[in-house]
Amino acid sequence: MRVILDTNVFVSGLIRRDSPPGQILELWFEGRFTLLSHVLLLDELRTVTRRDRIRAMIRPSEAGRLVNQIPAASELVSELPHVRRSTDPADDFLLAMCEAGRADYLVSGDKSRLLILGRHESTIILTARKFYEVLSR
C-alpha cells in the first residue's frame, strides 16, 4: 500500500500520539505501508514545525527526528508532473506526488481543498480517521 501523508497529518500525529494521525505514524514505523515523500513535503514539514504556535505543542527535537526519519524510511518521489487541480495551488504538489508515486491513498485533514476532491486519478483521498480504519481491517 503506497501512501502520502499531508503535512497536517504528520503535525497532528506529533501533537497527539493517541489520535488517528499518531496511530498512523506508529503503523508506518511498523512497516504497515510504504510512505511516499518528496523534497517539497519535507520542506513544508520543516517550515510548519518551526512556527511558534506549533513549537509550543511539539518539541523541536521530535519534529527534527521525524523530518530526518522520513527520507530514510520512505520512498522518495522525484519527478513530479504538472498538476493544477486544488483550489490551493500550494497543495498541487501532493496531487502530483499521487500521480508520480502511484499512490493508493493521500491522507489529509484539509477538508476544504483536498478531501473535497475524494480522488485524484487512481488515488483515494481520505481523512486520517478513515485511513486508520482501512489499516485496521
Foldseek 3Di string as FASTA:
>chain_A
DEEEEALVLVLVLQLDLPDLSNVVVVCLVVVLYAYEDEPLRLVVNVVVCPDPVSCVRHPPVVSVVVSVVDVVRHHYQYDFDDDDDWPDVSCRSVLSCCVRVVGQEYEDPPVPTPVVVQARVNHGYYYSVVVSVVSVD
